[in-house]
Amino acid sequence: MSGLLRGELLLTIDIIIGLLVAEVIMRLKLSDIIMKRFIPRSIPAVTGLAIAISTGSSKAGAAVLSSSFSRGEISERSAIWSVLMLPLPSYLRRWPSTFMLAVSMAGVAGGVFALSLLLRSIIRFIFALYMLRREDGEISETHELSGARYSVSIWRKMLRTIPTAWVMFGIAYSLVPFADGYFREAFAGKLLPLSGWTVAVASIGHVSSSLALAGGAIESGELSVIQGIFALILGSGLGTATRVLRQNAGYYYGLFPKSTATKMLALNLATILPLIMMNLLFAGLALSLCP
């Protein structure tokens, strides 16, 4: 219970601070001033600013987009695709250390695994950017809309969205252990030896522990390098649904209207699952071809 309460408190603080900072940015029109000359005209300036901010925190970038959306400056679809672009900048900042950790713990298998995660993030960013650029006409129209007509008081927005964020975070916090347990029971003993499934199951919860297990299993000869890669990718893929829910549901619902947040969650999963399947397909093909 203490972990749930602590998570709810941190989520609330993140949402409030993010919305307050975003409100200041939008009122001062910093997005137009800072980003107008550096991004294509078919992309809202606020999207460029949110991407830059998300290098430090994707939640802060989402808060900026939320304020712009509530003021009628970007469309719902633009807000959704922009939010789906935000994880990459912060991941790029962390990735070199992630790569070095993966290589030091699991050797070649860890390095390939880290590269597959980076490639997955880049492909989704490019796809979201493509979908956003298709909004050219819609963006032009929404920039001409009256902000006063669509603007929502920041305090009213907090009162309306934060309770929903609490509920969604609580649901995610409660469901994750059950989902992880289901994956352990449903797939144990298939496709991989027991040590491979130990790596995969560990990857659902903590990547660092799965990398350590993979490195040990490969070093001892229990797993080949290809099996180690497959186990790491498989575990990461199986844990994707619970991670998306746990990491994103709370602040999506805390920053955006319910219908918009629901679409964000759905598209988050819809855009990442095919890439996971592609990763698994290539890893499985390599696994079947190697003795």
C-alpha atoms as a PDB file:
ATOM      1  CA  MET A   1       0.000   0.000   0.000  1.00  0.00           C
ATOM      2  CA  SER A   2       2.844   2.400   0.794  1.00  0.00           C
ATOM      3  CA  GLY A   3       4.254   1.885  -2.710  1.00  0.00           C
ATOM      4  CA  LEU A   4       0.881   2.700  -4.266  1.00  0.00           C
ATOM      5  CA  LEU A   5       0.451   5.854  -2.180  1.00  0.00           C
ATOM      6  CA  ARG A   6       3.985   6.999  -2.950  1.00  0.00           C
ATOM      7  CA  GLY A   7       3.397   6.432  -6.665  1.00  0.00           C
ATOM      8  CA  GLU A   8       0.106   8.352  -6.567  1.00  0.00           C
ATOM      9  CA  LEU A   9       1.782  11.249  -4.764  1.00  0.00           C
ATOM     10  CA  LEU A  10       4.676  11.443  -7.239  1.00  0.00           C
ATOM     11  CA  LEU A  11       2.241  11.222 -10.151  1.00  0.00           C
ATOM     12  CA  THR A  12       0.152  14.089  -8.739  1.00  0.00           C
ATOM     13  CA  ILE A  13       3.229  16.267  -8.206  1.00  0.00           C
ATOM     14  CA  ASP A  14       4.449  15.532 -11.759  1.00  0.00           C
ATOM     15  CA  ILE A  15       1.077  16.458 -13.262  1.00  0.00           C
ATOM     16  CA  ILE A  16       0.657  19.689 -11.270  1.00  0.00           C
ATOM     17  CA  ILE A  17       4.208  20.921 -11.908  1.00  0.00           C
ATOM     18  CA  GLY A  18       4.010  19.927 -15.575  1.00  0.00           C
ATOM     19  CA  LEU A  19       0.719  21.750 -16.125  1.00  0.00           C
ATOM     20  CA  LEU A  20       1.898  24.893 -14.324  1.00  0.00           C
ATOM     21  CA  VAL A  21       5.144  25.066 -16.309  1.00  0.00           C
ATOM     22  CA  ALA A  22       3.278  24.332 -19.536  1.00  0.00           C
ATOM     23  CA  GLU A  23       0.772  27.114 -18.802  1.00  0.00           C
ATOM     24  CA  VAL A  24       3.601  29.625 -18.401  1.00  0.00           C
ATOM     25  CA  ILE A  25       5.228  28.448 -21.641  1.00  0.00           C
ATOM     26  CA  MET A  26       1.976  28.704 -23.581  1.00  0.00           C
ATOM     27  CA  ARG A  27       1.030  32.125 -22.192  1.00  0.00           C
ATOM     28  CA  LEU A  28       4.450  33.521 -23.109  1.00  0.00           C
ATOM     29  CA  LYS A  29       4.197  31.841 -26.569  1.00  0.00           C
ATOM     30  CA  LEU A  30       7.693  30.448 -26.110  1.00  0.00           C
ATOM     31  CA  SER A  31       6.991  27.592 -28.494  1.00  0.00           C
ATOM     32  CA  ASP A  32       6.500  30.014 -31.399  1.00  0.00           C
ATOM     33  CA  ILE A  33       9.476  32.144 -30.406  1.00  0.00           C
ATOM     34  CA  ILE A  34      11.947  29.310 -29.846  1.00  0.00           C
ATOM     35  CA  MET A  35      10.954  26.627 -32.351  1.00  0.00           C
ATOM     36  CA  LYS A  36       9.359  28.413 -35.310  1.00  0.00           C
ATOM     37  CA  ARG A  37      12.598  28.613 -37.330  1.00  0.00           C
ATOM     38  CA  PHE A  38      13.850  25.121 -36.581  1.00  0.00           C
ATOM     39  CA  ILE A  39      11.023  22.766 -37.553  1.00  0.00           C
ATOM     40  CA  PRO A  40       8.938  22.156 -40.713  1.00  0.00           C
ATOM     41  CA  ARG A  41       5.895  24.375 -41.135  1.00  0.00           C
ATOM     42  CA  SER A  42       3.685  21.283 -41.308  1.00  0.00           C
ATOM     43  CA  ILE A  43       4.477  20.493 -37.655  1.00  0.00           C
ATOM     44  CA  PRO A  44       3.183  22.687 -34.818  1.00  0.00           C
ATOM     45  CA  ALA A  45       5.902  24.700 -33.106  1.00  0.00           C
ATOM     46  CA  VAL A  46       4.659  23.364 -29.776  1.00  0.00           C
ATOM     47  CA  THR A  47       5.478  19.821 -30.924  1.00  0.00           C
ATOM     48  CA  GLY A  48       9.085  20.797 -31.529  1.00  0.00           C
ATOM     49  CA  LEU A  49       9.243  22.423 -28.104  1.00  0.00           C
ATOM     50  CA  ALA A  50       7.679  19.359 -26.452  1.00  0.00           C
ATOM     51  CA  ILE A  51      10.225  17.093 -28.149  1.00  0.00           C
ATOM     52  CA  ALA A  52      13.063  19.301 -26.912  1.00  0.00           C
ATOM     53  CA  ILE A  53      11.659  19.337 -23.366  1.00  0.00           C
ATOM     54  CA  SER A  54      11.145  15.562 -23.410  1.00  0.00           C
ATOM     55  CA  THR A  55      14.902  15.111 -23.592  1.00  0.00           C
ATOM     56  CA  GLY A  56      14.735  15.735 -19.866  1.00  0.00           C
ATOM     57  CA  SER A  57      11.192  14.497 -19.186  1.00  0.00           C
ATOM     58  CA  SER A  58       8.599  13.128 -21.582  1.00  0.00           C
ATOM     59  CA  LYS A  59       5.915  13.948 -18.992  1.00  0.00           C
ATOM     60  CA  ALA A  60       6.877  17.627 -19.100  1.00  0.00           C
ATOM     61  CA  GLY A  61       6.731  17.543 -22.893  1.00  0.00           C
ATOM     62  CA  ALA A  62       3.278  15.947 -22.729  1.00  0.00           C
ATOM     63  CA  ALA A  63       2.132  18.672 -20.331  1.00  0.00           C
ATOM     64  CA  VAL A  64       3.091  21.326 -22.888  1.00  0.00           C
ATOM     65  CA  LEU A  65       1.094  19.515 -25.568  1.00  0.00           C
ATOM     66  CA  SER A  66      -1.833  19.176 -23.162  1.00  0.00           C
ATOM     67  CA  SER A  67      -1.950  22.931 -22.564  1.00  0.00           C
ATOM     68  CA  SER A  68      -1.717  23.660 -26.281  1.00  0.00           C
ATOM     69  CA  PHE A  69      -4.485  21.148 -27.009  1.00  0.00           C
ATOM     70  CA  SER A  70      -6.805  22.597 -24.349  1.00  0.00           C
ATOM     71  CA  ARG A  71      -6.288  26.080 -25.830  1.00  0.00           C
ATOM     72  CA  GLY A  72      -7.333  24.857 -29.287  1.00  0.00           C
ATOM     73  CA  GLU A  73      -3.910  25.399 -30.860  1.00  0.00           C
ATOM     74  CA  ILE A  74      -3.451  21.794 -32.030  1.00  0.00           C
ATOM     75  CA  SER A  75      -5.945  19.108 -32.968  1.00  0.00           C
ATOM     76  CA  GLU A  76      -6.561  15.929 -30.992  1.00  0.00           C
ATOM     77  CA  ARG A  77      -4.821  13.786 -33.598  1.00  0.00           C
ATOM     78  CA  SER A  78      -1.826  16.115 -33.620  1.00  0.00           C
ATOM     79  CA  ALA A  79      -1.648  15.917 -29.818  1.00  0.00           C
ATOM     80  CA  ILE A  80      -1.800  12.115 -29.881  1.00  0.00           C
ATOM     81  CA  TRP A  81       0.893  11.603 -32.518  1.00  0.00           C
ATOM     82  CA  SER A  82       3.080  14.266 -30.916  1.00  0.00           C
ATOM     83  CA  VAL A  83       2.874  12.508 -27.541  1.00  0.00           C
ATOM     84  CA  LEU A  84       3.907   9.219 -29.169  1.00  0.00           C
ATOM     85  CA  MET A  85       7.059  10.934 -30.429  1.00  0.00           C
ATOM     86  CA  LEU A  86       8.171  12.040 -26.966  1.00  0.00           C
ATOM     87  CA  PRO A  87       9.751   8.841 -25.542  1.00  0.00           C
ATOM     88  CA  LEU A  88      12.602   8.777 -28.072  1.00  0.00           C
ATOM     89  CA  PRO A  89      14.511  11.947 -27.013  1.00  0.00           C
ATOM     90  CA  SER A  90      14.726  10.902 -23.350  1.00  0.00           C
ATOM     91  CA  TYR A  91      15.585   7.338 -24.395  1.00  0.00           C
ATOM     92  CA  LEU A  92      18.398   8.614 -26.631  1.00  0.00           C
ATOM     93  CA  ARG A  93      19.863  10.423 -23.636  1.00  0.00           C
ATOM     94  CA  ARG A  94      19.826   7.223 -21.558  1.00  0.00           C
ATOM     95  CA  TRP A  95      20.708   4.772 -24.312  1.00  0.00           C
ATOM     96  CA  PRO A  96      24.547   4.952 -24.269  1.00  0.00           C
ATOM     97  CA  SER A  97      24.616   3.942 -20.604  1.00  0.00           C
ATOM     98  CA  THR A  98      21.970   1.279 -21.280  1.00  0.00           C
ATOM     99  CA  PHE A  99      24.047  -0.107 -24.147  1.00  0.00           C
ATOM    100  CA  MET A 100      27.244  -0.242 -22.084  1.00  0.00           C
ATOM    101  CA  LEU A 101      25.387  -1.929 -19.207  1.00  0.00           C
ATOM    102  CA  ALA A 102      23.851  -4.477 -21.595  1.00  0.00           C
ATOM    103  CA  VAL A 103      27.204  -5.308 -23.205  1.00  0.00           C
ATOM    104  CA  SER A 104      29.013  -5.567 -19.876  1.00  0.00           C
ATOM    105  CA  MET A 105      26.375  -7.936 -18.472  1.00  0.00           C
ATOM    106  CA  ALA A 106      25.395 -10.070 -21.464  1.00  0.00           C
ATOM    107  CA  GLY A 107      28.075  -9.457 -24.081  1.00  0.00           C
ATOM    108  CA  VAL A 108      27.008  -9.631 -27.727  1.00  0.00           C
ATOM    109  CA  ALA A 109      23.471 -10.712 -26.788  1.00  0.00           C
ATOM    110  CA  GLY A 110      23.046  -7.647 -24.573  1.00  0.00           C
ATOM    111  CA  GLY A 111      24.401  -5.320 -27.254  1.00  0.00           C
ATOM    112  CA  VAL A 112      22.058  -6.710 -29.921  1.00  0.00           C
ATOM    113  CA  PHE A 113      19.151  -6.475 -27.494  1.00  0.00           C
ATOM    114  CA  ALA A 114      19.932  -2.811 -26.697  1.00  0.00           C
ATOM    115  CA  LEU A 115      20.257  -2.007 -30.407  1.00  0.00           C
ATOM    116  CA  SER A 116      16.895  -3.662 -31.132  1.00  0.00           C
ATOM    117  CA  LEU A 117      15.209  -1.481 -28.503  1.00  0.00           C
ATOM    118  CA  LEU A 118      16.774   1.656 -29.981  1.00  0.00           C
ATOM    119  CA  LEU A 119      15.752   0.707 -33.526  1.00  0.00           C
ATOM    120  CA  ARG A 120      12.209   0.037 -32.343  1.00  0.00           C
ATOM    121  CA  SER A 121      11.964   3.472 -30.752  1.00  0.00           C
ATOM    122  CA  ILE A 122      13.378   5.217 -33.821  1.00  0.00           C
ATOM    123  CA  ILE A 123      10.972   3.459 -36.206  1.00  0.00           C
ATOM    124  CA  ARG A 124       7.978   4.409 -34.089  1.00  0.00           C
ATOM    125  CA  PHE A 125       9.172   8.016 -33.865  1.00  0.00           C
ATOM    126  CA  ILE A 126       9.462   8.180 -37.667  1.00  0.00           C
ATOM    127  CA  PHE A 127       6.010   6.649 -38.118  1.00  0.00           C
ATOM    128  CA  ALA A 128       4.434   9.096 -35.631  1.00  0.00           C
ATOM    129  CA  LEU A 129       6.230  11.977 -37.389  1.00  0.00           C
ATOM    130  CA  TYR A 130       4.845  10.789 -40.727  1.00  0.00           C
ATOM    131  CA  MET A 131       1.315  10.633 -39.311  1.00  0.00           C
ATOM    132  CA  LEU A 132       1.738  14.086 -37.774  1.00  0.00           C
ATOM    133  CA  ARG A 133       2.897  15.612 -41.053  1.00  0.00           C
ATOM    134  CA  ARG A 134      -0.276  14.311 -42.680  1.00  0.00           C
ATOM    135  CA  GLU A 135      -2.123  16.760 -40.444  1.00  0.00           C
ATOM    136  CA  ASP A 136      -0.972  19.789 -42.500  1.00  0.00           C
ATOM    137  CA  GLY A 137      -4.446  21.094 -43.284  1.00  0.00           C
ATOM    138  CA  GLU A 138      -5.809  20.320 -39.863  1.00  0.00           C
ATOM    139  CA  ILE A 139      -2.906  22.086 -38.174  1.00  0.00           C
ATOM    140  CA  SER A 140      -3.444  25.212 -40.253  1.00  0.00           C
ATOM    141  CA  GLU A 141      -7.105  25.264 -39.281  1.00  0.00           C
ATOM    142  CA  THR A 142      -6.566  24.682 -35.581  1.00  0.00           C
ATOM    143  CA  HIS A 143      -3.974  27.447 -35.336  1.00  0.00           C
ATOM    144  CA  GLU A 144      -6.658  29.859 -36.487  1.00  0.00           C
ATOM    145  CA  LEU A 145      -9.179  28.746 -33.860  1.00  0.00           C
ATOM    146  CA  SER A 146      -9.927  31.040 -30.994  1.00  0.00           C
ATOM    147  CA  GLY A 147      -8.017  30.001 -27.894  1.00  0.00           C
ATOM    148  CA  ALA A 148     -10.681  31.464 -25.640  1.00  0.00           C
ATOM    149  CA  ARG A 149     -13.335  29.230 -27.114  1.00  0.00           C
ATOM    150  CA  TYR A 150     -11.478  26.021 -26.372  1.00  0.00           C
ATOM    151  CA  SER A 151      -9.316  27.008 -23.404  1.00  0.00           C
ATOM    152  CA  VAL A 152      -9.902  25.225 -20.099  1.00  0.00           C
ATOM    153  CA  SER A 153      -8.890  26.683 -16.734  1.00  0.00           C
ATOM    154  CA  ILE A 154      -5.759  24.952 -15.506  1.00  0.00           C
ATOM    155  CA  TRP A 155      -7.259  24.462 -12.040  1.00  0.00           C
ATOM    156  CA  ARG A 156     -10.451  23.064 -13.482  1.00  0.00           C
ATOM    157  CA  LYS A 157      -8.382  20.784 -15.655  1.00  0.00           C
ATOM    158  CA  MET A 158      -6.483  19.484 -12.629  1.00  0.00           C
ATOM    159  CA  LEU A 159      -9.704  18.805 -10.721  1.00  0.00           C
ATOM    160  CA  ARG A 160     -11.160  16.995 -13.711  1.00  0.00           C
ATOM    161  CA  THR A 161      -8.174  14.893 -14.724  1.00  0.00           C
ATOM    162  CA  ILE A 162      -6.150  14.098 -11.595  1.00  0.00           C
ATOM    163  CA  PRO A 163      -8.816  11.837  -9.976  1.00  0.00           C
ATOM    164  CA  THR A 164      -8.937   9.814 -13.204  1.00  0.00           C
ATOM    165  CA  ALA A 165      -5.136   9.629 -13.167  1.00  0.00           C
ATOM    166  CA  TRP A 166      -5.265   8.262  -9.605  1.00  0.00           C
ATOM    167  CA  VAL A 167      -7.743   5.570 -10.625  1.00  0.00           C
ATOM    168  CA  MET A 168      -5.802   4.518 -13.731  1.00  0.00           C
ATOM    169  CA  PHE A 169      -2.490   4.422 -11.850  1.00  0.00           C
ATOM    170  CA  GLY A 170      -4.095   2.321  -9.116  1.00  0.00           C
ATOM    171  CA  ILE A 171      -5.482  -0.119 -11.681  1.00  0.00           C
ATOM    172  CA  ALA A 172      -2.128  -0.391 -13.438  1.00  0.00           C
ATOM    173  CA  TYR A 173      -0.278  -0.828 -10.133  1.00  0.00           C
ATOM    174  CA  SER A 174      -2.658  -3.626  -9.108  1.00  0.00           C
ATOM    175  CA  LEU A 175      -2.774  -5.457 -12.447  1.00  0.00           C
ATOM    176  CA  VAL A 176       0.941  -5.622 -13.199  1.00  0.00           C
ATOM    177  CA  PRO A 177       1.774  -8.445 -10.710  1.00  0.00           C
ATOM    178  CA  PHE A 178      -1.133 -10.545 -12.014  1.00  0.00           C
ATOM    179  CA  ALA A 179      -0.136  -9.978 -15.638  1.00  0.00           C
ATOM    180  CA  ASP A 180       3.479 -10.896 -14.952  1.00  0.00           C
ATOM    181  CA  GLY A 181       2.343 -14.056 -13.157  1.00  0.00           C
ATOM    182  CA  TYR A 182       0.124 -14.999 -16.096  1.00  0.00           C
ATOM    183  CA  PHE A 183       2.992 -14.685 -18.554  1.00  0.00           C
ATOM    184  CA  ARG A 184       5.176 -16.857 -16.323  1.00  0.00           C
ATOM    185  CA  GLU A 185       2.622 -19.682 -16.249  1.00  0.00           C
ATOM    186  CA  ALA A 186       1.342 -19.422 -19.827  1.00  0.00           C
ATOM    187  CA  PHE A 187       4.647 -19.684 -21.654  1.00  0.00           C
ATOM    188  CA  ALA A 188       6.966 -21.576 -19.307  1.00  0.00           C
ATOM    189  CA  GLY A 189       8.710 -24.505 -20.939  1.00  0.00           C
ATOM    190  CA  LYS A 190       7.980 -23.513 -24.552  1.00  0.00           C
ATOM    191  CA  LEU A 191      10.404 -22.348 -27.258  1.00  0.00           C
ATOM    192  CA  LEU A 192      13.351 -22.073 -24.865  1.00  0.00           C
ATOM    193  CA  PRO A 193      15.075 -24.129 -22.173  1.00  0.00           C
ATOM    194  CA  LEU A 194      14.264 -23.285 -18.566  1.00  0.00           C
ATOM    195  CA  SER A 195      17.213 -20.903 -18.250  1.00  0.00           C
ATOM    196  CA  GLY A 196      15.956 -18.995 -21.308  1.00  0.00           C
ATOM    197  CA  TRP A 197      12.538 -18.556 -19.760  1.00  0.00           C
ATOM    198  CA  THR A 198      14.145 -17.413 -16.536  1.00  0.00           C
ATOM    199  CA  VAL A 199      15.806 -14.640 -18.557  1.00  0.00           C
ATOM    200  CA  ALA A 200      12.550 -13.795 -20.373  1.00  0.00           C
ATOM    201  CA  VAL A 201      10.482 -13.646 -17.192  1.00  0.00           C
ATOM    202  CA  ALA A 202      13.101 -11.464 -15.490  1.00  0.00           C
ATOM    203  CA  SER A 203      13.012  -9.112 -18.480  1.00  0.00           C
ATOM    204  CA  ILE A 204       9.305  -8.513 -17.892  1.00  0.00           C
ATOM    205  CA  GLY A 205      10.102  -6.846 -14.596  1.00  0.00           C
ATOM    206  CA  HIS A 206      13.718  -5.655 -14.520  1.00  0.00           C
ATOM    207  CA  VAL A 207      15.917  -5.482 -17.607  1.00  0.00           C
ATOM    208  CA  SER A 208      19.150  -5.324 -15.604  1.00  0.00           C
ATOM    209  CA  SER A 209      18.411  -8.592 -13.795  1.00  0.00           C
ATOM    210  CA  SER A 210      17.502 -10.321 -17.077  1.00  0.00           C
ATOM    211  CA  LEU A 211      20.763  -9.128 -18.649  1.00  0.00           C
ATOM    212  CA  ALA A 212      22.736 -10.523 -15.724  1.00  0.00           C
ATOM    213  CA  LEU A 213      20.901 -13.858 -15.993  1.00  0.00           C
ATOM    214  CA  ALA A 214      21.417 -13.958 -19.759  1.00  0.00           C
ATOM    215  CA  GLY A 215      25.121 -13.255 -19.380  1.00  0.00           C
ATOM    216  CA  GLY A 216      25.505 -16.013 -16.793  1.00  0.00           C
ATOM    217  CA  ALA A 217      23.518 -18.551 -18.843  1.00  0.00           C
ATOM    218  CA  ILE A 218      25.504 -17.807 -22.012  1.00  0.00           C
ATOM    219  CA  GLU A 219      28.823 -17.941 -20.162  1.00  0.00           C
ATOM    220  CA  SER A 220      27.938 -21.322 -18.626  1.00  0.00           C
ATOM    221  CA  GLY A 221      26.795 -22.733 -21.965  1.00  0.00           C
ATOM    222  CA  GLU A 222      23.140 -23.156 -20.938  1.00  0.00           C
ATOM    223  CA  LEU A 223      22.098 -20.701 -23.661  1.00  0.00           C
ATOM    224  CA  SER A 224      23.614 -19.802 -26.996  1.00  0.00           C
ATOM    225  CA  VAL A 225      24.027 -16.144 -27.932  1.00  0.00           C
ATOM    226  CA  ILE A 226      21.017 -16.384 -30.268  1.00  0.00           C
ATOM    227  CA  GLN A 227      18.899 -17.975 -27.527  1.00  0.00           C
ATOM    228  CA  GLY A 228      19.956 -15.224 -25.139  1.00  0.00           C
ATOM    229  CA  ILE A 229      18.924 -12.523 -27.625  1.00  0.00           C
ATOM    230  CA  PHE A 230      15.598 -14.253 -28.262  1.00  0.00           C
ATOM    231  CA  ALA A 231      14.920 -14.618 -24.528  1.00  0.00           C
ATOM    232  CA  LEU A 232      15.669 -10.934 -23.848  1.00  0.00           C
ATOM    233  CA  ILE A 233      13.510  -9.698 -26.734  1.00  0.00           C
ATOM    234  CA  LEU A 234      10.706 -12.100 -25.839  1.00  0.00           C
ATOM    235  CA  GLY A 235      10.648 -11.041 -22.195  1.00  0.00           C
ATOM    236  CA  SER A 236      10.703  -7.363 -23.131  1.00  0.00           C
ATOM    237  CA  GLY A 237       7.839  -7.943 -25.580  1.00  0.00           C
ATOM    238  CA  LEU A 238       5.712  -9.866 -23.084  1.00  0.00           C
ATOM    239  CA  GLY A 239       6.105  -7.090 -20.549  1.00  0.00           C
ATOM    240  CA  THR A 240       5.248  -4.298 -22.994  1.00  0.00           C
ATOM    241  CA  ALA A 241       1.510  -4.182 -22.280  1.00  0.00           C
ATOM    242  CA  THR A 242       2.019  -3.919 -18.528  1.00  0.00           C
ATOM    243  CA  ARG A 243       4.806  -1.358 -18.919  1.00  0.00           C
ATOM    244  CA  VAL A 244       2.721   0.838 -21.224  1.00  0.00           C
ATOM    245  CA  LEU A 245      -0.126   0.732 -18.712  1.00  0.00           C
ATOM    246  CA  ARG A 246       2.091   1.281 -15.692  1.00  0.00           C
ATOM    247  CA  GLN A 247       4.285   4.041 -17.130  1.00  0.00           C
ATOM    248  CA  ASN A 248       1.814   5.974 -19.272  1.00  0.00           C
ATOM    249  CA  ALA A 249      -1.787   5.486 -18.145  1.00  0.00           C
ATOM    250  CA  GLY A 250      -1.557   7.707 -15.087  1.00  0.00           C
ATOM    251  CA  TYR A 251      -0.125  10.799 -16.703  1.00  0.00           C
ATOM    252  CA  TYR A 252      -2.063  10.398 -19.972  1.00  0.00           C
ATOM    253  CA  TYR A 253      -5.308  10.542 -18.013  1.00  0.00           C
ATOM    254  CA  GLY A 254      -3.899  13.231 -15.764  1.00  0.00           C
ATOM    255  CA  LEU A 255      -3.101  15.583 -18.638  1.00  0.00           C
ATOM    256  CA  PHE A 256      -5.671  14.859 -21.343  1.00  0.00           C
ATOM    257  CA  PRO A 257      -9.436  14.226 -21.545  1.00  0.00           C
ATOM    258  CA  LYS A 258     -10.475  10.601 -21.018  1.00  0.00           C
ATOM    259  CA  SER A 259     -11.295   9.902 -24.655  1.00  0.00           C
ATOM    260  CA  THR A 260      -7.997  11.383 -25.854  1.00  0.00           C
ATOM    261  CA  ALA A 261      -5.964   9.522 -23.215  1.00  0.00           C
ATOM    262  CA  THR A 262      -7.670   6.251 -24.155  1.00  0.00           C
ATOM    263  CA  LYS A 263      -6.762   6.757 -27.816  1.00  0.00           C
ATOM    264  CA  MET A 264      -3.168   7.512 -26.801  1.00  0.00           C
ATOM    265  CA  LEU A 265      -2.906   4.272 -24.839  1.00  0.00           C
ATOM    266  CA  ALA A 266      -4.468   2.259 -27.662  1.00  0.00           C
ATOM    267  CA  LEU A 267      -2.184   3.775 -30.322  1.00  0.00           C
ATOM    268  CA  ASN A 268       0.819   3.408 -28.047  1.00  0.00           C
ATOM    269  CA  LEU A 269       0.224  -0.341 -27.980  1.00  0.00           C
ATOM    270  CA  ALA A 270      -0.873  -0.530 -31.622  1.00  0.00           C
ATOM    271  CA  THR A 271       2.347   1.112 -32.841  1.00  0.00           C
ATOM    272  CA  ILE A 272       4.768  -0.801 -30.611  1.00  0.00           C
ATOM    273  CA  LEU A 273       3.362  -4.358 -30.800  1.00  0.00           C
ATOM    274  CA  PRO A 274       4.019  -4.846 -34.560  1.00  0.00           C
ATOM    275  CA  LEU A 275       7.625  -3.752 -34.020  1.00  0.00           C
ATOM    276  CA  ILE A 276       7.991  -6.233 -31.157  1.00  0.00           C
ATOM    277  CA  MET A 277       6.593  -8.983 -33.358  1.00  0.00           C
ATOM    278  CA  MET A 278       9.077  -8.018 -36.075  1.00  0.00           C
ATOM    279  CA  ASN A 279      11.937  -8.225 -33.575  1.00  0.00           C
ATOM    280  CA  LEU A 280      10.744 -11.632 -32.420  1.00  0.00           C
ATOM    281  CA  LEU A 281      10.305 -12.848 -35.986  1.00  0.00           C
ATOM    282  CA  PHE A 282      13.905 -12.052 -36.917  1.00  0.00           C
ATOM    283  CA  ALA A 283      15.245 -13.419 -33.620  1.00  0.00           C
ATOM    284  CA  GLY A 284      13.114 -16.566 -33.992  1.00  0.00           C
ATOM    285  CA  LEU A 285      14.311 -17.046 -37.580  1.00  0.00           C
ATOM    286  CA  ALA A 286      17.928 -16.779 -36.430  1.00  0.00           C
ATOM    287  CA  LEU A 287      17.163 -19.196 -33.607  1.00  0.00           C
ATOM    288  CA  SER A 288      15.683 -21.767 -36.006  1.00  0.00           C
ATOM    289  CA  LEU A 289      18.611 -21.510 -38.445  1.00  0.00           C
ATOM    290  CA  CYS A 290      21.326 -21.837 -35.822  1.00  0.00           C
ATOM    291  CA  PRO A 291      22.070 -25.227 -34.250  1.00  0.00           C
END
